[in-house]
Amino acid sequence: MHRPQTAEVEIGEELAVVRPELVPRYARELSGARASVLTRLWRALAHEPLPWITGRERVRDGLVLRLADGRELYGPPSDPYATAAYVTTVRLGEQSYEDPARLMTGLAVPHGDAFAAELSHSAASLALSRADQPPGTEARRPAWSGADWVWEQRVVDGHPFHPNCRSRPGFSVAEQLAYGPEHRPLVELCLVPVAAEECLVTGAWPRDLRDGGRLLIPVHPWQAEHVLKRPGEGGGPVAHPLMSLRTLALPDGPHVKTALSARLTSSVRDISVGSVAASAVLSSFAEDLAARTEGVLHFTGTVGAATAHSPDLAALWRESPRTYAAPGEHLLPVAALPVTGLPDSPSWLAGFARLALTAGLRLLELGVALEAHGQNLLVVLSGSGAPLRLVYRDLADIRVSPARLARYGIAVPELPARNLTDDPRDLRRKLFGSLVAGALAGTAGSGAALRAALEAVAGDLPRTADVQALLEEPLPTKALTLMRLSPGHAGDIWTDLPRPRPVEAPSSV
């Protein structure tokens, strides 16, 4: 039987055409990329409520998963908070697997083939991202820079816990190299003219993006070519792509968030009409929130937003997070902290955890749950690297409790219904899943380090019901793999992770 080409082969063949000098490095990076994706997949298999896994048993030197069809899957003990690639092989029955895509195919579960294709693309794209880094990058910390994009472009591996950490379906190799932030390109945006009366505009749309009675909406070139079918138009500002790929930093400061109707990790990255409509309200609301954090937490405002009443043709114009860093201070997204080398100090990690938890829990008590993962949350550091303040961007997915706001005399903003909930479980999931099981865990790098940080700051936190839940209950997190294997399910699926604890150093099997 003819075996279809894998993403690894396809990307290798495309790379040989567009950047042949990278082919040897790409080939060398493949095994490590597979291990990184396999480690993320093994975390999901070990901890998510996948319906075809009927039992999990810790054995002397590993973990056994029992499948509904009677087979057994064997691998190393799983630390759900570890970020290093420590799983190189797992065994399904008598067959050993090093390739996460082939493992998923071998499991033969519903929707597994489609997910296997995503895993194959994730590993191959990750190898491509690693192959295009300057020699010695891993051992060299970049010089501190005031530019928004420098640290964001050093986050090479993507999401620390999602098996689709680098999956970019629909992007050719040439497009990944041209638009992926880790490849350090400059991207020329397209400007699509739309009659002003056909647009919804909130805030102050920039004057230089108007042409008489038309708005000039910035469009990502991938979107222009593949979705709007207007390739090669260009004519817009040249900008540096940030971690989210579809948000770019202009050299003179502002950020522009563009629609990108492609599925990256789990979500299609378009911009809903509701997000544009709510952007000005959220920016005003955020100003009030920031004033209640005693200068610890700031929010980037949306200057203007516009949509042609389509999620495929919209853009948000935002202020730069650099606005909230003084001369001599450094600012970077939390996801980039491991690159700095700072989190290897337990005292530094405890100080950062104290700062982040104090701010996040304060807002939660007031009635606002942030989605404070490593991309949305940024940290301002002193010249010596001490954490000073936080900056939060992209308020579109926060959760707001009208009842909690009313308790503190805060007016409830006019937000879409999806942003509003009084359910403590929903509010805690949003904050704890993103901040603790996401940003803090990704910075700590292991359950033992995360546990030590939480223990170090526990005595400094107020004794509220939210804090009690944080310190005593399992930690919620999105079941990212189950979500990809549940195409008919709308919205997030959640699971609980065991509380972080010391674990023995995992070994390959």
Protein backbone atom coordinates (compact mmCIF):
# COMPACT_ATOMS: atom_id res chain seq x y z
CA MET A 1 0.00 0.00 0.00
CA HIS A 2 1.26 3.47 -0.87
CA ARG A 3 1.91 5.44 2.31
CA PRO A 4 0.99 9.15 2.04
CA GLN A 5 3.79 11.61 2.59
CA THR A 6 4.16 12.89 6.11
CA ALA A 7 4.39 16.56 6.94
CA GLU A 8 8.06 16.00 7.77
CA VAL A 9 8.77 14.89 4.21
CA GLU A 10 6.59 17.56 2.63
CA ILE A 11 8.18 20.37 4.63
CA GLY A 12 11.64 18.97 3.91
CA GLU A 13 10.94 18.95 0.16
CA GLU A 14 9.57 22.50 0.20
CA LEU A 15 12.51 23.66 2.28
CA ALA A 16 14.94 22.21 -0.26
CA VAL A 17 13.44 24.59 -2.82
CA VAL A 18 13.10 27.82 -0.81
CA ARG A 19 15.98 27.53 1.73
CA PRO A 20 18.17 24.59 0.80
CA GLU A 21 20.91 25.61 3.24
CA LEU A 22 18.52 24.82 6.14
CA VAL A 23 17.79 21.23 5.07
CA PRO A 24 20.63 19.56 7.07
CA ARG A 25 19.74 21.46 10.24
CA TYR A 26 16.05 20.68 9.73
CA ALA A 27 16.84 16.97 9.47
CA ARG A 28 18.89 17.09 12.67
CA GLU A 29 16.10 18.87 14.57
CA LEU A 30 13.36 16.38 13.68
CA SER A 31 13.99 13.84 16.46
CA GLY A 32 14.01 16.52 19.17
CA ALA A 33 10.87 18.10 17.74
CA ARG A 34 9.10 14.74 17.77
CA ALA A 35 10.08 14.27 21.43
CA SER A 36 8.76 17.73 22.31
CA VAL A 37 5.39 17.04 20.72
CA LEU A 38 5.30 13.48 22.11
CA THR A 39 5.93 14.84 25.61
CA ARG A 40 2.96 17.19 25.25
CA LEU A 41 0.81 14.37 23.89
CA TRP A 42 1.81 12.02 26.71
CA ARG A 43 0.77 14.69 29.23
CA ALA A 44 -2.67 14.73 27.63
CA LEU A 45 -2.97 10.94 27.56
CA ALA A 46 -1.93 10.75 31.21
CA HIS A 47 -4.25 13.46 32.54
CA GLU A 48 -7.12 14.33 30.23
CA PRO A 49 -10.56 12.60 30.47
CA LEU A 50 -10.24 10.83 27.14
CA PRO A 51 -13.21 8.42 26.86
CA TRP A 52 -11.21 5.55 25.38
CA ILE A 53 -8.77 5.44 28.32
CA THR A 54 -10.42 3.38 31.04
CA GLY A 55 -7.66 3.22 33.64
CA ARG A 56 -4.30 4.63 34.67
CA GLU A 57 -1.87 2.84 36.97
CA ARG A 58 1.47 3.99 38.28
CA VAL A 59 4.02 1.18 38.11
CA ARG A 60 7.53 1.03 39.47
CA ASP A 61 9.25 2.81 36.60
CA GLY A 62 6.42 4.34 34.62
CA LEU A 63 2.74 4.72 33.90
CA VAL A 64 0.34 2.25 32.30
CA LEU A 65 -2.78 3.43 30.51
CA ARG A 66 -5.49 0.86 29.83
CA LEU A 67 -7.52 1.37 26.68
CA ALA A 68 -11.15 0.46 26.16
CA ASP A 69 -10.23 -2.17 23.56
CA GLY A 70 -8.01 -4.03 26.04
CA ARG A 71 -4.64 -2.74 24.86
CA GLU A 72 -2.13 -1.08 27.19
CA LEU A 73 -0.03 2.03 26.62
CA TYR A 74 3.17 2.35 28.64
CA GLY A 75 5.38 5.39 29.18
CA PRO A 76 7.33 7.29 31.85
CA PRO A 77 5.77 8.95 34.91
CA SER A 78 4.07 12.17 33.89
CA ASP A 79 4.71 15.55 35.45
CA PRO A 80 1.88 17.65 33.97
CA TYR A 81 3.83 20.86 34.69
CA ALA A 82 7.10 19.85 33.04
CA THR A 83 8.17 21.69 29.91
CA ALA A 84 11.33 19.78 28.98
CA ALA A 85 11.03 17.12 26.27
CA TYR A 86 11.58 13.99 28.34
CA VAL A 87 9.35 11.46 26.53
CA THR A 88 11.21 9.96 23.61
CA THR A 89 9.39 6.61 23.31
CA VAL A 90 6.11 5.09 24.47
CA ARG A 91 4.92 1.53 23.97
CA LEU A 92 1.49 0.48 22.70
CA GLY A 93 1.27 -3.25 23.25
CA GLU A 94 4.50 -4.61 21.80
CA GLN A 95 5.02 -1.69 19.41
CA SER A 96 7.26 1.25 20.39
CA TYR A 97 6.56 4.74 19.07
CA GLU A 98 8.84 7.76 18.84
CA ASP A 99 6.62 9.68 16.44
CA PRO A 100 3.52 11.26 18.08
CA ALA A 101 1.59 11.22 14.80
CA ARG A 102 2.17 7.51 14.27
CA LEU A 103 1.22 6.84 17.89
CA MET A 104 -2.06 8.67 17.40
CA THR A 105 -2.71 6.69 14.23
CA GLY A 106 -1.88 3.47 16.07
CA LEU A 107 -4.36 4.27 18.84
CA ALA A 108 -7.12 4.16 16.19
CA VAL A 109 -9.56 6.35 18.13
CA PRO A 110 -12.38 8.53 16.75
CA HIS A 111 -11.04 11.59 14.88
CA GLY A 112 -7.51 10.36 15.56
CA ASP A 113 -6.35 10.46 11.93
CA ALA A 114 -7.08 14.17 11.57
CA PHE A 115 -5.33 14.90 14.84
CA ALA A 116 -2.38 12.74 13.77
CA ALA A 117 -1.97 14.96 10.71
CA GLU A 118 -1.91 18.01 12.98
CA LEU A 119 0.71 16.38 15.21
CA SER A 120 2.87 15.56 12.21
CA HIS A 121 2.67 19.16 11.04
CA SER A 122 3.39 20.42 14.56
CA ALA A 123 6.59 18.38 14.86
CA ALA A 124 7.78 19.26 11.38
CA SER A 125 7.08 22.98 11.82
CA LEU A 126 8.81 22.92 15.19
CA ALA A 127 11.89 21.38 13.58
CA LEU A 128 11.75 24.11 10.93
CA SER A 129 11.50 26.81 13.61
CA ARG A 130 14.48 25.42 15.48
CA ALA A 131 16.52 24.97 12.31
CA ASP A 132 16.20 28.67 11.45
CA GLN A 133 17.67 29.98 14.71
CA PRO A 134 21.09 31.68 14.67
CA PRO A 135 23.91 29.33 15.74
CA GLY A 136 24.39 29.25 19.50
CA THR A 137 20.98 30.79 20.23
CA GLU A 138 20.12 28.31 22.99
CA ALA A 139 23.25 29.13 24.94
CA ARG A 140 23.12 32.86 24.40
CA ARG A 141 20.72 35.27 26.06
CA PRO A 142 19.91 38.17 23.74
CA ALA A 143 20.84 41.66 24.82
CA TRP A 144 18.08 43.52 26.59
CA SER A 145 16.21 45.57 24.03
CA GLY A 146 13.49 48.18 24.10
CA ALA A 147 11.96 46.74 20.92
CA ASP A 148 8.63 44.99 21.44
CA TRP A 149 9.34 42.11 19.15
CA VAL A 150 12.82 40.92 20.13
CA TRP A 151 11.87 38.68 23.05
CA GLU A 152 8.61 37.57 21.44
CA GLN A 153 10.56 36.23 18.50
CA ARG A 154 12.79 34.18 20.82
CA VAL A 155 9.82 31.97 21.80
CA VAL A 156 10.62 29.28 19.26
CA ASP A 157 8.67 26.27 20.53
CA GLY A 158 5.21 27.82 20.90
CA HIS A 159 2.66 26.67 23.47
CA PRO A 160 4.46 24.84 26.30
CA PHE A 161 1.73 22.20 26.84
CA HIS A 162 -0.26 21.90 23.59
CA PRO A 163 0.71 19.04 21.23
CA ASN A 164 -0.18 21.41 18.38
CA CYS A 165 2.45 23.84 19.65
CA ARG A 166 3.64 24.67 16.13
CA SER A 167 0.87 23.35 13.90
CA ARG A 168 0.14 25.86 11.13
CA PRO A 169 -2.11 24.11 8.65
CA GLY A 170 -2.55 26.04 5.44
CA PHE A 171 0.90 27.64 5.65
CA SER A 172 3.54 26.62 3.16
CA VAL A 173 7.20 26.55 4.21
CA ALA A 174 7.76 29.84 2.39
CA GLU A 175 4.84 31.38 4.30
CA GLN A 176 6.09 30.11 7.66
CA LEU A 177 9.48 31.64 6.96
CA ALA A 178 7.89 34.88 5.78
CA TYR A 179 5.36 35.32 8.61
CA GLY A 180 6.38 33.22 11.64
CA PRO A 181 7.78 35.45 14.43
CA GLU A 182 10.51 32.96 15.32
CA HIS A 183 11.89 33.42 11.79
CA ARG A 184 12.32 37.17 12.51
CA PRO A 185 10.78 38.56 9.28
CA LEU A 186 9.41 41.96 8.42
CA VAL A 187 5.85 41.68 7.11
CA GLU A 188 4.26 44.17 4.74
CA LEU A 189 0.55 44.39 5.53
CA CYS A 190 -2.09 44.89 2.89
CA LEU A 191 -4.56 47.77 3.05
CA VAL A 192 -8.07 46.85 1.91
CA PRO A 193 -10.33 49.86 1.23
CA VAL A 194 -13.93 49.56 2.45
CA ALA A 195 -16.63 52.23 2.34
CA ALA A 196 -16.92 53.74 5.83
CA GLU A 197 -20.70 53.26 5.89
CA GLU A 198 -20.17 49.53 5.38
CA CYS A 199 -17.94 49.24 8.47
CA LEU A 200 -18.39 49.09 12.21
CA VAL A 201 -15.81 51.36 13.85
CA THR A 202 -15.13 51.84 17.55
CA GLY A 203 -12.62 54.19 19.14
CA ALA A 204 -10.45 56.52 17.08
CA TRP A 205 -9.49 54.94 13.76
CA PRO A 206 -6.09 56.32 12.64
CA ARG A 207 -6.30 59.20 10.17
CA ASP A 208 -3.65 57.74 7.90
CA LEU A 209 -5.88 54.66 7.50
CA ARG A 210 -8.64 56.70 5.91
CA ASP A 211 -8.98 57.57 2.25
CA GLY A 212 -11.82 59.99 1.76
CA GLY A 213 -15.00 58.08 2.54
CA ARG A 214 -13.19 54.77 2.83
CA LEU A 215 -11.42 52.99 5.65
CA LEU A 216 -8.13 51.25 4.90
CA ILE A 217 -8.24 48.04 6.94
CA PRO A 218 -4.85 46.39 7.57
CA VAL A 219 -4.90 42.78 6.40
CA HIS A 220 -2.32 40.08 6.95
CA PRO A 221 -0.85 39.03 3.57
CA TRP A 222 -1.72 35.37 4.23
CA GLN A 223 -5.33 36.38 4.83
CA ALA A 224 -5.36 38.56 1.73
CA GLU A 225 -4.15 35.71 -0.46
CA HIS A 226 -5.93 32.68 0.96
CA VAL A 227 -9.17 34.06 2.40
CA LEU A 228 -9.94 37.38 0.72
CA LYS A 229 -8.39 36.22 -2.57
CA ARG A 230 -6.53 39.52 -3.03
CA PRO A 231 -2.90 38.37 -3.29
CA GLY A 232 0.02 40.71 -3.68
CA GLU A 233 -1.74 43.98 -2.88
CA GLY A 234 0.63 45.16 -0.14
CA GLY A 235 0.88 48.89 0.33
CA GLY A 236 0.47 48.81 4.08
CA PRO A 237 2.89 49.38 6.95
CA VAL A 238 5.83 47.06 7.46
CA ALA A 239 5.78 45.42 10.89
CA HIS A 240 7.32 42.75 13.10
CA PRO A 241 5.12 39.69 13.86
CA LEU A 242 4.61 38.91 17.56
CA MET A 243 3.93 35.62 19.32
CA SER A 244 0.36 35.31 18.09
CA LEU A 245 1.61 35.63 14.48
CA ARG A 246 -1.41 37.73 13.44
CA THR A 247 -0.53 40.63 15.78
CA LEU A 248 2.37 42.78 14.61
CA ALA A 249 4.40 45.62 16.11
CA LEU A 250 4.99 48.70 14.02
CA PRO A 251 8.50 50.17 14.32
CA ASP A 252 7.10 53.43 15.71
CA GLY A 253 5.18 51.74 18.52
CA PRO A 254 1.54 50.71 17.93
CA HIS A 255 0.46 47.11 17.54
CA VAL A 256 -2.07 45.97 14.95
CA LYS A 257 -4.12 42.81 15.43
CA THR A 258 -5.26 41.35 12.11
CA ALA A 259 -7.74 38.65 11.23
CA LEU A 260 -6.13 35.33 10.32
CA SER A 261 -8.73 32.72 9.45
CA ALA A 262 -6.41 29.79 10.06
CA ARG A 263 -6.45 27.27 12.89
CA LEU A 264 -3.39 27.73 15.10
CA THR A 265 -3.17 25.30 18.06
CA SER A 266 -6.93 25.02 18.78
CA SER A 267 -8.64 28.14 17.47
CA VAL A 268 -9.31 29.95 14.23
CA ARG A 269 -7.76 33.40 14.66
CA ASP A 270 -10.30 35.64 13.04
CA ILE A 271 -11.79 38.74 14.73
CA SER A 272 -15.49 38.60 15.53
CA VAL A 273 -17.77 41.57 14.98
CA GLY A 274 -18.62 41.36 18.68
CA SER A 275 -14.96 41.78 19.63
CA VAL A 276 -14.75 44.97 17.58
CA ALA A 277 -17.99 46.26 19.07
CA ALA A 278 -16.81 45.60 22.64
CA SER A 279 -13.23 46.82 22.24
CA ALA A 280 -13.80 50.43 23.33
CA VAL A 281 -15.95 49.36 26.30
CA LEU A 282 -13.28 46.89 27.39
CA SER A 283 -10.53 49.49 27.11
CA SER A 284 -12.46 51.92 29.30
CA PHE A 285 -13.28 49.16 31.78
CA ALA A 286 -9.62 48.17 31.91
CA GLU A 287 -8.59 51.69 32.92
CA ASP A 288 -10.86 51.43 35.95
CA LEU A 289 -9.48 48.00 36.80
CA ALA A 290 -5.87 49.16 36.57
CA ALA A 291 -6.58 51.95 39.04
CA ARG A 292 -7.67 49.33 41.58
CA THR A 293 -4.40 47.35 41.46
CA GLU A 294 -2.22 50.07 43.01
CA GLY A 295 0.00 50.31 39.96
CA VAL A 296 0.86 46.60 39.85
CA LEU A 297 -1.12 45.75 36.71
CA HIS A 298 -1.67 47.78 33.53
CA PHE A 299 -3.75 47.07 30.44
CA THR A 300 -2.94 47.95 26.86
CA GLY A 301 -5.74 49.98 25.34
CA THR A 302 -7.33 49.56 21.93
CA VAL A 303 -7.05 52.89 20.15
CA GLY A 304 -9.42 51.96 17.36
CA ALA A 305 -11.07 48.91 15.82
CA ALA A 306 -12.87 48.34 12.54
CA THR A 307 -14.64 45.50 10.79
CA ALA A 308 -16.41 45.20 7.46
CA HIS A 309 -19.03 43.22 9.42
CA SER A 310 -16.99 40.09 8.75
CA PRO A 311 -14.63 38.14 11.03
CA ASP A 312 -12.36 37.73 8.00
CA LEU A 313 -11.89 41.47 7.43
CA ALA A 314 -11.23 43.34 10.67
CA ALA A 315 -8.36 44.87 12.61
CA LEU A 316 -7.59 46.37 16.03
CA TRP A 317 -5.12 49.20 16.54
CA ARG A 318 -3.51 49.00 19.99
CA GLU A 319 -1.03 50.84 22.12
CA SER A 320 2.28 49.11 22.74
CA PRO A 321 2.90 47.45 26.13
CA ARG A 322 6.18 49.41 26.15
CA THR A 323 4.05 52.36 27.24
CA TYR A 324 4.16 50.94 30.76
CA ALA A 325 7.91 50.38 31.05
CA ALA A 326 10.14 53.25 32.18
CA PRO A 327 13.63 53.95 30.78
CA GLY A 328 16.04 51.34 32.05
CA GLU A 329 13.28 48.77 32.59
CA HIS A 330 12.70 45.72 30.43
CA LEU A 331 9.39 44.28 29.23
CA LEU A 332 8.69 40.87 27.77
CA PRO A 333 5.85 38.33 27.59
CA VAL A 334 5.86 35.76 30.36
CA ALA A 335 6.26 32.99 27.77
CA ALA A 336 9.72 34.42 27.00
CA LEU A 337 10.93 34.30 30.60
CA PRO A 338 12.60 30.86 30.27
CA VAL A 339 14.80 32.33 27.52
CA THR A 340 16.19 34.93 29.94
CA GLY A 341 17.57 32.37 32.38
CA LEU A 342 15.94 34.22 35.29
CA PRO A 343 13.48 31.51 36.43
CA ASP A 344 16.31 29.20 37.56
CA SER A 345 16.38 31.09 40.88
CA PRO A 346 13.71 29.86 43.36
CA SER A 347 13.59 33.28 45.00
CA TRP A 348 13.05 34.99 41.64
CA LEU A 349 10.28 32.54 40.73
CA ALA A 350 8.61 33.08 44.12
CA GLY A 351 8.76 36.86 43.64
CA PHE A 352 7.22 36.61 40.21
CA ALA A 353 4.51 34.22 41.44
CA ARG A 354 3.69 36.60 44.29
CA LEU A 355 3.34 39.51 41.87
CA ALA A 356 1.19 37.61 39.38
CA LEU A 357 -1.06 35.92 41.94
CA THR A 358 -1.59 39.09 43.94
CA ALA A 359 -2.76 40.98 40.86
CA GLY A 360 -4.79 38.13 39.38
CA LEU A 361 -6.54 37.25 42.64
CA ARG A 362 -7.27 40.90 43.40
CA LEU A 363 -9.15 41.26 40.12
CA LEU A 364 -10.87 37.91 40.60
CA GLU A 365 -12.17 39.08 43.98
CA LEU A 366 -13.50 42.23 42.28
CA GLY A 367 -15.19 40.11 39.62
CA VAL A 368 -12.80 39.86 36.66
CA ALA A 369 -11.04 36.65 35.64
CA LEU A 370 -8.16 37.27 33.23
CA GLU A 371 -6.95 34.79 30.66
CA ALA A 372 -3.42 35.43 31.86
CA HIS A 373 -1.43 32.89 29.86
CA GLY A 374 2.13 33.49 28.79
CA GLN A 375 1.20 35.35 25.63
CA ASN A 376 -1.37 37.76 27.09
CA LEU A 377 0.58 38.51 30.27
CA LEU A 378 3.80 40.55 30.14
CA VAL A 379 6.17 41.43 32.96
CA VAL A 380 8.15 44.62 33.54
CA LEU A 381 11.62 43.90 34.95
CA SER A 382 14.07 46.21 36.64
CA GLY A 383 17.48 46.76 35.13
CA SER A 384 18.75 43.86 37.26
CA GLY A 385 15.88 41.57 36.22
CA ALA A 386 13.60 41.82 39.28
CA PRO A 387 9.85 41.57 38.49
CA LEU A 388 8.20 44.95 39.09
CA ARG A 389 4.83 45.20 37.35
CA LEU A 390 2.57 43.36 34.94
CA VAL A 391 0.97 44.35 31.66
CA TYR A 392 -2.05 42.54 30.23
CA ARG A 393 -3.15 42.64 26.61
CA ASP A 394 -6.17 41.31 24.72
CA LEU A 395 -9.24 41.50 26.93
CA ALA A 396 -11.52 39.71 24.46
CA ASP A 397 -11.67 36.44 26.44
CA ILE A 398 -11.91 37.63 30.04
CA ARG A 399 -14.82 36.57 32.24
CA VAL A 400 -16.72 39.13 34.28
CA SER A 401 -19.02 38.49 37.25
CA PRO A 402 -21.84 41.06 37.50
CA ALA A 403 -22.59 39.95 41.07
CA ARG A 404 -19.01 40.43 42.26
CA LEU A 405 -18.72 43.78 40.51
CA ALA A 406 -21.93 44.96 42.18
CA ARG A 407 -20.56 43.93 45.56
CA TYR A 408 -17.78 46.47 45.08
CA GLY A 409 -19.95 49.13 43.48
CA ILE A 410 -18.44 48.70 40.02
CA ALA A 411 -20.73 49.25 37.04
CA VAL A 412 -21.16 46.22 34.81
CA PRO A 413 -19.87 46.99 31.29
CA GLU A 414 -21.98 46.21 28.23
CA LEU A 415 -20.22 43.05 27.12
CA PRO A 416 -21.21 40.04 25.02
CA ALA A 417 -23.05 37.36 27.02
CA ARG A 418 -20.14 34.95 26.64
CA ASN A 419 -17.96 37.23 28.79
CA LEU A 420 -20.43 37.28 31.71
CA THR A 421 -20.75 34.65 34.43
CA ASP A 422 -21.27 34.49 38.18
CA ASP A 423 -20.23 30.84 38.43
CA PRO A 424 -17.14 30.67 40.71
CA ARG A 425 -15.97 27.53 38.92
CA ASP A 426 -15.99 29.26 35.53
CA LEU A 427 -14.20 32.30 36.91
CA ARG A 428 -11.53 30.23 38.65
CA ARG A 429 -11.01 28.01 35.62
CA LYS A 430 -10.35 31.04 33.47
CA LEU A 431 -7.74 32.53 35.82
CA PHE A 432 -6.17 29.45 37.39
CA GLY A 433 -6.06 27.52 34.11
CA SER A 434 -4.26 30.31 32.29
CA LEU A 435 -2.13 31.86 35.05
CA VAL A 436 -1.19 28.95 37.32
CA ALA A 437 -1.41 25.83 35.14
CA GLY A 438 -0.25 27.93 32.18
CA ALA A 439 1.98 30.97 32.71
CA LEU A 440 3.44 30.08 36.11
CA ALA A 441 3.86 26.39 35.29
CA GLY A 442 5.49 27.22 31.97
CA THR A 443 7.89 29.57 33.74
CA ALA A 444 8.66 27.13 36.56
CA GLY A 445 9.24 24.23 34.17
CA SER A 446 8.32 21.44 36.60
CA GLY A 447 5.78 20.49 39.24
CA ALA A 448 8.41 20.62 41.97
CA ALA A 449 9.43 24.19 41.09
CA LEU A 450 5.82 25.31 40.77
CA ARG A 451 4.95 23.75 44.11
CA ALA A 452 7.87 25.49 45.82
CA ALA A 453 6.80 28.86 44.40
CA LEU A 454 3.19 28.41 45.51
CA GLU A 455 4.27 27.35 48.99
CA ALA A 456 6.57 30.36 49.26
CA VAL A 457 3.77 32.84 48.58
CA ALA A 458 0.79 31.06 50.15
CA GLY A 459 1.13 32.92 53.44
CA ASP A 460 1.02 36.29 51.69
CA LEU A 461 -2.29 35.70 49.92
CA PRO A 462 -5.62 36.85 51.42
CA ARG A 463 -7.81 34.12 52.84
CA THR A 464 -10.68 34.22 50.35
CA ALA A 465 -12.70 31.35 48.92
CA ASP A 466 -10.80 31.75 45.65
CA VAL A 467 -7.42 31.49 47.38
CA GLN A 468 -8.58 28.47 49.35
CA ALA A 469 -9.59 26.78 46.10
CA LEU A 470 -6.22 27.66 44.55
CA LEU A 471 -4.21 26.24 47.43
CA GLU A 472 -6.28 23.14 48.18
CA GLU A 473 -8.07 21.90 45.07
CA PRO A 474 -6.74 20.32 41.86
CA LEU A 475 -5.70 22.85 39.25
CA PRO A 476 -8.03 23.30 36.26
CA THR A 477 -6.66 23.31 32.74
CA LYS A 478 -8.09 23.05 29.26
CA ALA A 479 -8.17 19.50 27.92
CA LEU A 480 -6.41 20.60 24.75
CA THR A 481 -6.09 17.19 23.12
CA LEU A 482 -9.66 16.12 23.93
CA MET A 483 -10.83 19.39 22.40
CA ARG A 484 -9.04 18.57 19.13
CA LEU A 485 -10.55 15.07 19.21
CA SER A 486 -14.08 16.46 19.76
CA PRO A 487 -14.84 18.38 16.54
CA GLY A 488 -18.56 18.46 17.27
CA HIS A 489 -18.13 20.13 20.67
CA ALA A 490 -18.39 23.92 20.86
CA GLY A 491 -16.37 25.75 23.47
CA ASP A 492 -13.69 24.70 25.94
CA ILE A 493 -13.40 21.31 27.65
CA TRP A 494 -11.76 21.32 31.07
CA THR A 495 -9.99 18.82 33.25
CA ASP A 496 -8.23 18.91 36.62
CA LEU A 497 -4.53 18.36 37.14
CA PRO A 498 -3.15 16.90 40.37
CA ARG A 499 -1.66 19.48 42.67
CA PRO A 500 2.02 20.03 41.86
CA ARG A 501 4.33 17.82 43.90
CA PRO A 502 7.94 16.73 43.77
CA VAL A 503 8.48 14.03 41.18
CA GLU A 504 11.45 11.85 40.45
CA ALA A 505 13.40 12.71 37.35
CA PRO A 506 11.52 11.06 34.47
CA SER A 507 13.29 8.61 32.24
CA SER A 508 12.76 7.55 28.66
CA VAL A 509 11.41 4.09 27.96
